Amino acid sequence: MSGNNKAKNKKVLLRCKNLWKVYEKNGVQVPVCCGLDFDVYENEFLCITGPTGCGKSTILKMMAGLELPSMGALSLRGKPITKPNRERGIIFQEYSMLPWRTVFQNVCLGMEILNISPKERKEKALKYLSLVALTYAKDRYPYELSGGMKRRMTLAMVLVTNPKILLMDGAFGALDAKTKMVMQAEIIEIWKKESATIVFVTSELDEAVKLGDRIIVLNSKGAVMKIINNTLPRPRHGKVAQEPRFLRQFVALREEVFITLKAGTVQKGAS
C-alpha cells in the first residue's frame, strides 16, 4: 500500500519542494518542517498526519500563503505561493464566522469582498447551502447552530469562492463522534460533487485511513517518513465498511500508518 504508484497519470496541482520552516526561539533556530518534498494532485484527497508539534498546521498555513517558507518552494500550477489567494481556501479547527450575521449573510461575506453582484451572491450562496444541507437554517445566527451546523456553514463560506484547493486543519476534531462520522461522509460527497482537491490535516489515524487517497506520515522532526497509497475501495462508510474483507484491509492500513508514525516518534527521542 505504500509508495508513489498513484502518482502515475496524475496532474500536479500543488508542488512542495525541499520545504523548510524554521522559527527562532530565545536566539535558537528551531526547525518545524524539514526538507519536505511531495506533490498534491488534481482531484486528490490527501491526508497529512504526524505527532503533535511536527508542523502539520504550519504546512497548511504555508500552502495558504499565511506564512512563508524559510527555505524551499511551494507552487500552485507552477506559480509560486507568496500570499493568500482565493484559489486556496483554508478551514481551521476554530469556527470562522461573524456572530451578528445570519448563516446566509456569512456565506455571502467572501463574495461581498470580491465585489460579486447581489444576484450572483444569492444564487451561489443558496447553491452551496443546499450542497452542505443547510438551506433550512439560512436565516439563523451562529449562536443558534450546533457544532456540525457551524462546520457545514464554514465549508459553504469557503466553497462559495470556488477555491482550486481546499485546506482543512483538524476540521472535525472538536465534534462529537456521531457528528464527526456524518461530516466525514459529507466531505467525501462534497469532494466528489465539486471535483475538489483537498489537503486534510488530522491526528486521528482512523480518519486519515477513512478519507485519504494518500496519507503523508511526518516524523517528530517535521520530515516525511512515508507516503502511503490508500487502495481501500470507496465508499468507506455504511454497510461496505462492515464487511469482513474491508475491515481487514482497513486495520492493515491503519497498522501501517501507526507503525510508521511510531518509528518517526521514536526517531526524535533517539537523536
C-alpha atoms as a PDB file:
ATOM      1  CA  MET A   1       0.000   0.000   0.000  1.00  0.00           C
ATOM      2  CA  SER A   2       2.991   2.300   0.194  1.00  0.00           C
ATOM      3  CA  GLY A   3       4.927   4.095  -2.487  1.00  0.00           C
ATOM      4  CA  ASN A   4       4.109   6.587  -5.224  1.00  0.00           C
ATOM      5  CA  ASN A   5       2.470   4.407  -7.877  1.00  0.00           C
ATOM      6  CA  LYS A   6      -0.675   6.502  -7.631  1.00  0.00           C
ATOM      7  CA  ALA A   7       1.313   9.461  -8.973  1.00  0.00           C
ATOM      8  CA  LYS A   8       1.287   7.961 -12.473  1.00  0.00           C
ATOM      9  CA  ASN A   9      -1.024   9.772 -14.903  1.00  0.00           C
ATOM     10  CA  LYS A  10      -1.908  12.351 -12.245  1.00  0.00           C
ATOM     11  CA  LYS A  11      -1.709  16.079 -12.908  1.00  0.00           C
ATOM     12  CA  VAL A  12       0.190  18.024 -10.248  1.00  0.00           C
ATOM     13  CA  LEU A  13      -1.797  20.896  -8.756  1.00  0.00           C
ATOM     14  CA  LEU A  14       0.460  21.926  -5.875  1.00  0.00           C
ATOM     15  CA  ARG A  15       4.171  21.174  -5.528  1.00  0.00           C
ATOM     16  CA  CYS A  16       6.181  21.228  -2.296  1.00  0.00           C
ATOM     17  CA  LYS A  17       9.948  21.236  -2.960  1.00  0.00           C
ATOM     18  CA  ASN A  18      12.640  20.999  -0.251  1.00  0.00           C
ATOM     19  CA  LEU A  19      10.384  22.986   2.074  1.00  0.00           C
ATOM     20  CA  TRP A  20      11.761  24.186   5.398  1.00  0.00           C
ATOM     21  CA  LYS A  21      10.208  26.320   8.114  1.00  0.00           C
ATOM     22  CA  VAL A  22      12.459  27.498  10.935  1.00  0.00           C
ATOM     23  CA  TYR A  23      11.385  29.617  13.896  1.00  0.00           C
ATOM     24  CA  GLU A  24      13.672  31.472  16.268  1.00  0.00           C
ATOM     25  CA  LYS A  25      13.117  30.895  19.983  1.00  0.00           C
ATOM     26  CA  ASN A  26      15.343  32.554  22.567  1.00  0.00           C
ATOM     27  CA  GLY A  27      18.018  33.052  19.943  1.00  0.00           C
ATOM     28  CA  VAL A  28      17.913  29.382  18.880  1.00  0.00           C
ATOM     29  CA  GLN A  29      16.832  28.231  15.416  1.00  0.00           C
ATOM     30  CA  VAL A  30      14.036  25.664  15.765  1.00  0.00           C
ATOM     31  CA  PRO A  31      13.112  23.775  12.562  1.00  0.00           C
ATOM     32  CA  VAL A  32       9.464  22.740  12.315  1.00  0.00           C
ATOM     33  CA  CYS A  33       9.256  21.460   8.737  1.00  0.00           C
ATOM     34  CA  CYS A  34      12.370  19.807   7.339  1.00  0.00           C
ATOM     35  CA  GLY A  35      13.071  19.285   3.650  1.00  0.00           C
ATOM     36  CA  LEU A  36       9.522  18.386   2.627  1.00  0.00           C
ATOM     37  CA  ASP A  37       9.139  17.037  -0.907  1.00  0.00           C
ATOM     38  CA  PHE A  38       5.729  15.963  -2.191  1.00  0.00           C
ATOM     39  CA  ASP A  39       3.073  16.837  -4.768  1.00  0.00           C
ATOM     40  CA  VAL A  40      -0.676  17.275  -4.441  1.00  0.00           C
ATOM     41  CA  TYR A  41      -2.615  16.042  -7.457  1.00  0.00           C
ATOM     42  CA  GLU A  42      -5.775  17.451  -9.003  1.00  0.00           C
ATOM     43  CA  ASN A  43      -8.980  15.967  -7.530  1.00  0.00           C
ATOM     44  CA  GLU A  44      -6.983  14.182  -4.822  1.00  0.00           C
ATOM     45  CA  PHE A  45      -7.957  13.802  -1.185  1.00  0.00           C
ATOM     46  CA  LEU A  46      -4.588  13.950   0.578  1.00  0.00           C
ATOM     47  CA  CYS A  47      -4.292  13.409   4.333  1.00  0.00           C
ATOM     48  CA  ILE A  48      -1.321  14.544   6.434  1.00  0.00           C
ATOM     49  CA  THR A  49      -0.723  13.072   9.869  1.00  0.00           C
ATOM     50  CA  GLY A  50       2.080  13.040  12.399  1.00  0.00           C
ATOM     51  CA  PRO A  51       2.950  13.607  16.074  1.00  0.00           C
ATOM     52  CA  THR A  52       1.943  16.751  17.933  1.00  0.00           C
ATOM     53  CA  GLY A  53       4.246  19.652  17.089  1.00  0.00           C
ATOM     54  CA  CYS A  54       5.610  18.181  13.854  1.00  0.00           C
ATOM     55  CA  GLY A  55       4.432  21.101  11.713  1.00  0.00           C
ATOM     56  CA  LYS A  56       1.187  19.776  10.211  1.00  0.00           C
ATOM     57  CA  SER A  57      -0.685  23.053  10.671  1.00  0.00           C
ATOM     58  CA  THR A  58       2.354  25.055   9.572  1.00  0.00           C
ATOM     59  CA  ILE A  59       2.370  23.196   6.249  1.00  0.00           C
ATOM     60  CA  LEU A  60      -1.231  24.245   5.599  1.00  0.00           C
ATOM     61  CA  LYS A  61      -0.503  27.848   6.570  1.00  0.00           C
ATOM     62  CA  MET A  62       2.349  27.927   4.064  1.00  0.00           C
ATOM     63  CA  MET A  63       0.139  26.354   1.394  1.00  0.00           C
ATOM     64  CA  ALA A  64      -2.454  29.039   2.117  1.00  0.00           C
ATOM     65  CA  GLY A  65       0.181  31.777   1.896  1.00  0.00           C
ATOM     66  CA  LEU A  66      -0.361  32.818   5.502  1.00  0.00           C
ATOM     67  CA  GLU A  67       3.282  32.018   6.304  1.00  0.00           C
ATOM     68  CA  LEU A  68       6.331  31.976   4.037  1.00  0.00           C
ATOM     69  CA  PRO A  69       8.859  29.110   3.919  1.00  0.00           C
ATOM     70  CA  SER A  70      12.314  29.669   5.413  1.00  0.00           C
ATOM     71  CA  MET A  71      13.751  27.712   2.501  1.00  0.00           C
ATOM     72  CA  GLY A  72      12.431  25.776  -0.464  1.00  0.00           C
ATOM     73  CA  ALA A  73       9.366  26.470  -2.576  1.00  0.00           C
ATOM     74  CA  LEU A  74       5.624  25.984  -2.821  1.00  0.00           C
ATOM     75  CA  SER A  75       3.827  26.433  -6.115  1.00  0.00           C
ATOM     76  CA  LEU A  76       0.266  26.103  -7.401  1.00  0.00           C
ATOM     77  CA  ARG A  77       0.152  25.085 -11.067  1.00  0.00           C
ATOM     78  CA  GLY A  78       3.751  26.207 -11.402  1.00  0.00           C
ATOM     79  CA  LYS A  79       3.216  29.659  -9.860  1.00  0.00           C
ATOM     80  CA  PRO A  80       4.961  30.413  -6.521  1.00  0.00           C
ATOM     81  CA  ILE A  81       2.733  30.791  -3.468  1.00  0.00           C
ATOM     82  CA  THR A  82       3.712  34.047  -1.778  1.00  0.00           C
ATOM     83  CA  LYS A  83       0.461  35.320  -0.256  1.00  0.00           C
ATOM     84  CA  PRO A  84      -3.165  34.320   0.440  1.00  0.00           C
ATOM     85  CA  ASN A  85      -5.356  33.873  -2.608  1.00  0.00           C
ATOM     86  CA  ARG A  86      -8.954  32.790  -3.288  1.00  0.00           C
ATOM     87  CA  GLU A  87      -7.574  29.764  -5.177  1.00  0.00           C
ATOM     88  CA  ARG A  88      -6.588  28.295  -1.800  1.00  0.00           C
ATOM     89  CA  GLY A  89      -9.367  28.085   0.788  1.00  0.00           C
ATOM     90  CA  ILE A  90      -8.460  27.123   4.345  1.00  0.00           C
ATOM     91  CA  ILE A  91     -10.635  25.847   7.190  1.00  0.00           C
ATOM     92  CA  PHE A  92      -9.178  25.806  10.692  1.00  0.00           C
ATOM     93  CA  GLN A  93     -10.434  23.799  13.633  1.00  0.00           C
ATOM     94  CA  GLU A  94     -11.866  27.001  15.140  1.00  0.00           C
ATOM     95  CA  TYR A  95     -15.056  28.311  13.570  1.00  0.00           C
ATOM     96  CA  SER A  96     -14.617  31.475  11.486  1.00  0.00           C
ATOM     97  CA  MET A  97     -17.854  33.443  11.267  1.00  0.00           C
ATOM     98  CA  LEU A  98     -19.380  36.765  12.234  1.00  0.00           C
ATOM     99  CA  PRO A  99     -21.888  36.293  15.093  1.00  0.00           C
ATOM    100  CA  TRP A 100     -24.064  39.266  14.063  1.00  0.00           C
ATOM    101  CA  ARG A 101     -24.669  37.878  10.567  1.00  0.00           C
ATOM    102  CA  THR A 102     -27.072  35.089   9.637  1.00  0.00           C
ATOM    103  CA  VAL A 103     -25.905  31.859   8.026  1.00  0.00           C
ATOM    104  CA  PHE A 104     -26.831  33.218   4.594  1.00  0.00           C
ATOM    105  CA  GLN A 105     -25.068  36.528   5.255  1.00  0.00           C
ATOM    106  CA  ASN A 106     -21.921  34.760   6.483  1.00  0.00           C
ATOM    107  CA  VAL A 107     -21.812  32.614   3.344  1.00  0.00           C
ATOM    108  CA  CYS A 108     -22.123  35.786   1.240  1.00  0.00           C
ATOM    109  CA  LEU A 109     -19.260  37.523   3.053  1.00  0.00           C
ATOM    110  CA  GLY A 110     -16.393  36.353   0.840  1.00  0.00           C
ATOM    111  CA  MET A 111     -18.348  37.207  -2.304  1.00  0.00           C
ATOM    112  CA  GLU A 112     -19.045  40.691  -0.974  1.00  0.00           C
ATOM    113  CA  ILE A 113     -15.305  41.220  -0.530  1.00  0.00           C
ATOM    114  CA  LEU A 114     -14.804  40.048  -4.131  1.00  0.00           C
ATOM    115  CA  ASN A 115     -17.458  42.539  -5.322  1.00  0.00           C
ATOM    116  CA  ILE A 116     -19.676  39.838  -6.805  1.00  0.00           C
ATOM    117  CA  SER A 117     -23.111  41.129  -7.772  1.00  0.00           C
ATOM    118  CA  PRO A 118     -26.004  40.665  -5.285  1.00  0.00           C
ATOM    119  CA  LYS A 119     -27.864  38.413  -7.723  1.00  0.00           C
ATOM    120  CA  GLU A 120     -24.892  36.072  -8.194  1.00  0.00           C
ATOM    121  CA  ARG A 121     -24.151  36.144  -4.455  1.00  0.00           C
ATOM    122  CA  LYS A 122     -27.665  34.955  -3.693  1.00  0.00           C
ATOM    123  CA  GLU A 123     -27.577  32.208  -6.324  1.00  0.00           C
ATOM    124  CA  LYS A 124     -24.215  30.862  -5.225  1.00  0.00           C
ATOM    125  CA  ALA A 125     -24.967  31.125  -1.502  1.00  0.00           C
ATOM    126  CA  LEU A 126     -28.184  29.131  -1.918  1.00  0.00           C
ATOM    127  CA  LYS A 127     -26.372  26.584  -4.102  1.00  0.00           C
ATOM    128  CA  TYR A 128     -23.693  25.873  -1.514  1.00  0.00           C
ATOM    129  CA  LEU A 129     -26.064  25.992   1.437  1.00  0.00           C
ATOM    130  CA  SER A 130     -28.022  23.281  -0.368  1.00  0.00           C
ATOM    131  CA  LEU A 131     -24.798  21.338  -1.003  1.00  0.00           C
ATOM    132  CA  VAL A 132     -23.998  21.279   2.735  1.00  0.00           C
ATOM    133  CA  ALA A 133     -27.656  20.597   3.649  1.00  0.00           C
ATOM    134  CA  LEU A 134     -28.129  23.878   5.497  1.00  0.00           C
ATOM    135  CA  THR A 135     -30.732  25.731   3.428  1.00  0.00           C
ATOM    136  CA  TYR A 136     -33.325  25.322   6.172  1.00  0.00           C
ATOM    137  CA  ALA A 137     -31.090  27.264   8.599  1.00  0.00           C
ATOM    138  CA  LYS A 138     -30.105  30.138   6.289  1.00  0.00           C
ATOM    139  CA  ASP A 139     -31.801  32.779   8.472  1.00  0.00           C
ATOM    140  CA  ARG A 140     -30.391  31.544  11.785  1.00  0.00           C
ATOM    141  CA  TYR A 141     -27.496  33.145  13.643  1.00  0.00           C
ATOM    142  CA  PRO A 142     -24.315  31.265  14.654  1.00  0.00           C
ATOM    143  CA  TYR A 143     -25.383  31.009  18.315  1.00  0.00           C
ATOM    144  CA  GLU A 144     -28.419  29.004  17.164  1.00  0.00           C
ATOM    145  CA  LEU A 145     -26.301  26.361  15.407  1.00  0.00           C
ATOM    146  CA  SER A 146     -24.849  23.062  16.614  1.00  0.00           C
ATOM    147  CA  GLY A 147     -21.167  22.228  16.102  1.00  0.00           C
ATOM    148  CA  GLY A 148     -21.935  20.210  12.985  1.00  0.00           C
ATOM    149  CA  MET A 149     -24.064  23.013  11.524  1.00  0.00           C
ATOM    150  CA  LYS A 150     -21.290  25.548  12.177  1.00  0.00           C
ATOM    151  CA  ARG A 151     -18.834  23.288  10.375  1.00  0.00           C
ATOM    152  CA  ARG A 152     -21.197  22.997   7.404  1.00  0.00           C
ATOM    153  CA  MET A 153     -21.586  26.762   7.301  1.00  0.00           C
ATOM    154  CA  THR A 154     -17.796  27.221   7.370  1.00  0.00           C
ATOM    155  CA  LEU A 155     -17.490  24.789   4.467  1.00  0.00           C
ATOM    156  CA  ALA A 156     -20.084  26.722   2.467  1.00  0.00           C
ATOM    157  CA  MET A 157     -18.281  30.019   3.245  1.00  0.00           C
ATOM    158  CA  VAL A 158     -15.089  28.658   1.678  1.00  0.00           C
ATOM    159  CA  LEU A 159     -16.553  26.617  -1.187  1.00  0.00           C
ATOM    160  CA  VAL A 160     -18.654  29.513  -2.465  1.00  0.00           C
ATOM    161  CA  THR A 161     -15.466  31.304  -3.605  1.00  0.00           C
ATOM    162  CA  ASN A 162     -14.552  28.272  -5.771  1.00  0.00           C
ATOM    163  CA  PRO A 163     -11.019  27.534  -4.492  1.00  0.00           C
ATOM    164  CA  LYS A 164      -8.858  25.204  -6.574  1.00  0.00           C
ATOM    165  CA  ILE A 165      -7.659  23.509  -3.409  1.00  0.00           C
ATOM    166  CA  LEU A 166      -9.325  23.193  -0.004  1.00  0.00           C
ATOM    167  CA  LEU A 167      -7.023  23.068   3.032  1.00  0.00           C
ATOM    168  CA  MET A 168      -8.572  21.607   6.192  1.00  0.00           C
ATOM    169  CA  ASP A 169      -6.760  21.709   9.534  1.00  0.00           C
ATOM    170  CA  GLY A 170      -8.241  19.308  12.078  1.00  0.00           C
ATOM    171  CA  ALA A 171     -11.635  20.475  10.877  1.00  0.00           C
ATOM    172  CA  PHE A 172     -13.657  17.774  12.642  1.00  0.00           C
ATOM    173  CA  GLY A 173     -11.563  17.422  15.784  1.00  0.00           C
ATOM    174  CA  ALA A 174     -13.953  19.283  18.109  1.00  0.00           C
ATOM    175  CA  LEU A 175     -17.067  17.386  17.015  1.00  0.00           C
ATOM    176  CA  ASP A 176     -18.689  14.519  18.895  1.00  0.00           C
ATOM    177  CA  ALA A 177     -18.211  11.020  17.463  1.00  0.00           C
ATOM    178  CA  LYS A 178     -21.586  10.790  15.694  1.00  0.00           C
ATOM    179  CA  THR A 179     -21.384  14.260  14.137  1.00  0.00           C
ATOM    180  CA  LYS A 180     -17.805  13.578  13.086  1.00  0.00           C
ATOM    181  CA  MET A 181     -18.844  10.431  11.207  1.00  0.00           C
ATOM    182  CA  VAL A 182     -21.598  12.366   9.439  1.00  0.00           C
ATOM    183  CA  MET A 183     -19.225  15.173   8.467  1.00  0.00           C
ATOM    184  CA  GLN A 184     -16.614  12.710   7.197  1.00  0.00           C
ATOM    185  CA  ALA A 185     -19.208  11.156   4.893  1.00  0.00           C
ATOM    186  CA  GLU A 186     -20.438  14.581   3.801  1.00  0.00           C
ATOM    187  CA  ILE A 187     -16.996  15.985   2.986  1.00  0.00           C
ATOM    188  CA  ILE A 188     -16.394  12.976   0.718  1.00  0.00           C
ATOM    189  CA  GLU A 189     -19.690  13.658  -1.087  1.00  0.00           C
ATOM    190  CA  ILE A 190     -18.769  17.339  -1.480  1.00  0.00           C
ATOM    191  CA  TRP A 191     -15.299  16.355  -2.715  1.00  0.00           C
ATOM    192  CA  LYS A 192     -16.837  14.124  -5.395  1.00  0.00           C
ATOM    193  CA  LYS A 193     -19.587  16.536  -6.472  1.00  0.00           C
ATOM    194  CA  GLU A 194     -17.238  19.507  -6.716  1.00  0.00           C
ATOM    195  CA  SER A 195     -14.317  17.535  -8.218  1.00  0.00           C
ATOM    196  CA  ALA A 196     -12.322  19.224  -5.490  1.00  0.00           C
ATOM    197  CA  THR A 197      -8.741  18.830  -4.311  1.00  0.00           C
ATOM    198  CA  ILE A 198      -8.465  18.550  -0.526  1.00  0.00           C
ATOM    199  CA  VAL A 199      -5.455  18.534   1.804  1.00  0.00           C
ATOM    200  CA  PHE A 200      -6.692  17.361   5.188  1.00  0.00           C
ATOM    201  CA  VAL A 201      -4.574  17.507   8.352  1.00  0.00           C
ATOM    202  CA  THR A 202      -5.559  15.106  11.122  1.00  0.00           C
ATOM    203  CA  SER A 203      -4.049  13.446  14.185  1.00  0.00           C
ATOM    204  CA  GLU A 204      -6.601  10.626  14.051  1.00  0.00           C
ATOM    205  CA  LEU A 205      -5.399   7.561  12.175  1.00  0.00           C
ATOM    206  CA  ASP A 206      -8.894   6.183  11.556  1.00  0.00           C
ATOM    207  CA  GLU A 207      -9.875   9.485   9.975  1.00  0.00           C
ATOM    208  CA  ALA A 208      -6.799   9.538   7.727  1.00  0.00           C
ATOM    209  CA  VAL A 209      -7.466   5.984   6.535  1.00  0.00           C
ATOM    210  CA  LYS A 210     -11.176   6.635   6.020  1.00  0.00           C
ATOM    211  CA  LEU A 211     -10.705   9.820   3.996  1.00  0.00           C
ATOM    212  CA  GLY A 212      -7.391   9.859   2.147  1.00  0.00           C
ATOM    213  CA  ASP A 213      -6.334   8.720  -1.323  1.00  0.00           C
ATOM    214  CA  ARG A 214      -2.804   9.027   0.066  1.00  0.00           C
ATOM    215  CA  ILE A 215      -1.532   9.551   3.589  1.00  0.00           C
ATOM    216  CA  ILE A 216       1.633  11.516   4.297  1.00  0.00           C
ATOM    217  CA  VAL A 217       3.151  10.490   7.627  1.00  0.00           C
ATOM    218  CA  LEU A 218       5.501  13.016   9.218  1.00  0.00           C
ATOM    219  CA  ASN A 219       8.034  12.279  11.937  1.00  0.00           C
ATOM    220  CA  SER A 220       8.677  14.320  15.082  1.00  0.00           C
ATOM    221  CA  LYS A 221      11.223  16.471  13.241  1.00  0.00           C
ATOM    222  CA  GLY A 222       8.699  17.546  10.624  1.00  0.00           C
ATOM    223  CA  ALA A 223      10.099  15.421   7.797  1.00  0.00           C
ATOM    224  CA  VAL A 224       8.228  12.955   5.593  1.00  0.00           C
ATOM    225  CA  MET A 225       8.588   9.423   6.928  1.00  0.00           C
ATOM    226  CA  LYS A 226       6.427   7.772   4.290  1.00  0.00           C
ATOM    227  CA  ILE A 227       3.737   8.476   1.696  1.00  0.00           C
ATOM    228  CA  ILE A 228       1.190   5.671   1.800  1.00  0.00           C
ATOM    229  CA  ASN A 229      -1.238   4.939  -1.034  1.00  0.00           C
ATOM    230  CA  ASN A 230      -4.713   4.117   0.239  1.00  0.00           C
ATOM    231  CA  THR A 231      -6.215   1.450  -2.020  1.00  0.00           C
ATOM    232  CA  LEU A 232      -9.338   0.889   0.077  1.00  0.00           C
ATOM    233  CA  PRO A 233     -12.440   0.983  -2.147  1.00  0.00           C
ATOM    234  CA  ARG A 234     -14.947   3.799  -1.809  1.00  0.00           C
ATOM    235  CA  PRO A 235     -17.388   4.339  -0.213  1.00  0.00           C
ATOM    236  CA  ARG A 236     -15.721   3.666   3.140  1.00  0.00           C
ATOM    237  CA  HIS A 237     -18.766   4.079   5.357  1.00  0.00           C
ATOM    238  CA  GLY A 238     -22.119   2.394   5.819  1.00  0.00           C
ATOM    239  CA  LYS A 239     -22.631  -1.304   5.112  1.00  0.00           C
ATOM    240  CA  VAL A 240     -19.475  -1.562   2.990  1.00  0.00           C
ATOM    241  CA  ALA A 241     -17.350  -0.593   5.982  1.00  0.00           C
ATOM    242  CA  GLN A 242     -18.778  -3.504   7.989  1.00  0.00           C
ATOM    243  CA  GLU A 243     -17.748  -6.218   5.545  1.00  0.00           C
ATOM    244  CA  PRO A 244     -15.005  -8.543   6.893  1.00  0.00           C
ATOM    245  CA  ARG A 245     -12.707  -8.070   3.883  1.00  0.00           C
ATOM    246  CA  PHE A 246     -12.950  -4.271   4.097  1.00  0.00           C
ATOM    247  CA  LEU A 247     -12.328  -4.341   7.854  1.00  0.00           C
ATOM    248  CA  ARG A 248      -9.202  -6.480   7.417  1.00  0.00           C
ATOM    249  CA  GLN A 249      -7.821  -4.085   4.798  1.00  0.00           C
ATOM    250  CA  PHE A 250      -8.724  -1.067   6.934  1.00  0.00           C
ATOM    251  CA  VAL A 251      -6.990  -2.475  10.017  1.00  0.00           C
ATOM    252  CA  ALA A 252      -3.908  -3.463   7.997  1.00  0.00           C
ATOM    253  CA  LEU A 253      -3.574   0.027   6.529  1.00  0.00           C
ATOM    254  CA  ARG A 254      -4.129   1.706   9.889  1.00  0.00           C
ATOM    255  CA  GLU A 255      -1.423  -0.538  11.339  1.00  0.00           C
ATOM    256  CA  GLU A 256       0.978   0.504   8.592  1.00  0.00           C
ATOM    257  CA  VAL A 257       0.313   4.173   9.375  1.00  0.00           C
ATOM    258  CA  PHE A 258       0.671   3.533  13.113  1.00  0.00           C
ATOM    259  CA  ILE A 259       3.977   1.640  12.763  1.00  0.00           C
ATOM    260  CA  THR A 260       5.354   4.414  10.537  1.00  0.00           C
ATOM    261  CA  LEU A 261       4.171   7.091  12.967  1.00  0.00           C
ATOM    262  CA  LYS A 262       5.659   5.217  15.949  1.00  0.00           C
ATOM    263  CA  ALA A 263       9.024   4.840  14.186  1.00  0.00           C
ATOM    264  CA  GLY A 264       9.068   8.561  13.417  1.00  0.00           C
ATOM    265  CA  THR A 265       8.255   9.479  17.014  1.00  0.00           C
ATOM    266  CA  VAL A 266      10.953   7.188  18.436  1.00  0.00           C
ATOM    267  CA  GLN A 267      13.434   8.649  15.979  1.00  0.00           C
ATOM    268  CA  LYS A 268      13.284  12.047  17.677  1.00  0.00           C
ATOM    269  CA  GLY A 269      13.966  10.620  21.103  1.00  0.00           C
ATOM    270  CA  ALA A 270      16.954   8.705  19.780  1.00  0.00           C
ATOM    271  CA  SER A 271      18.636  11.722  18.205  1.00  0.00           C
END
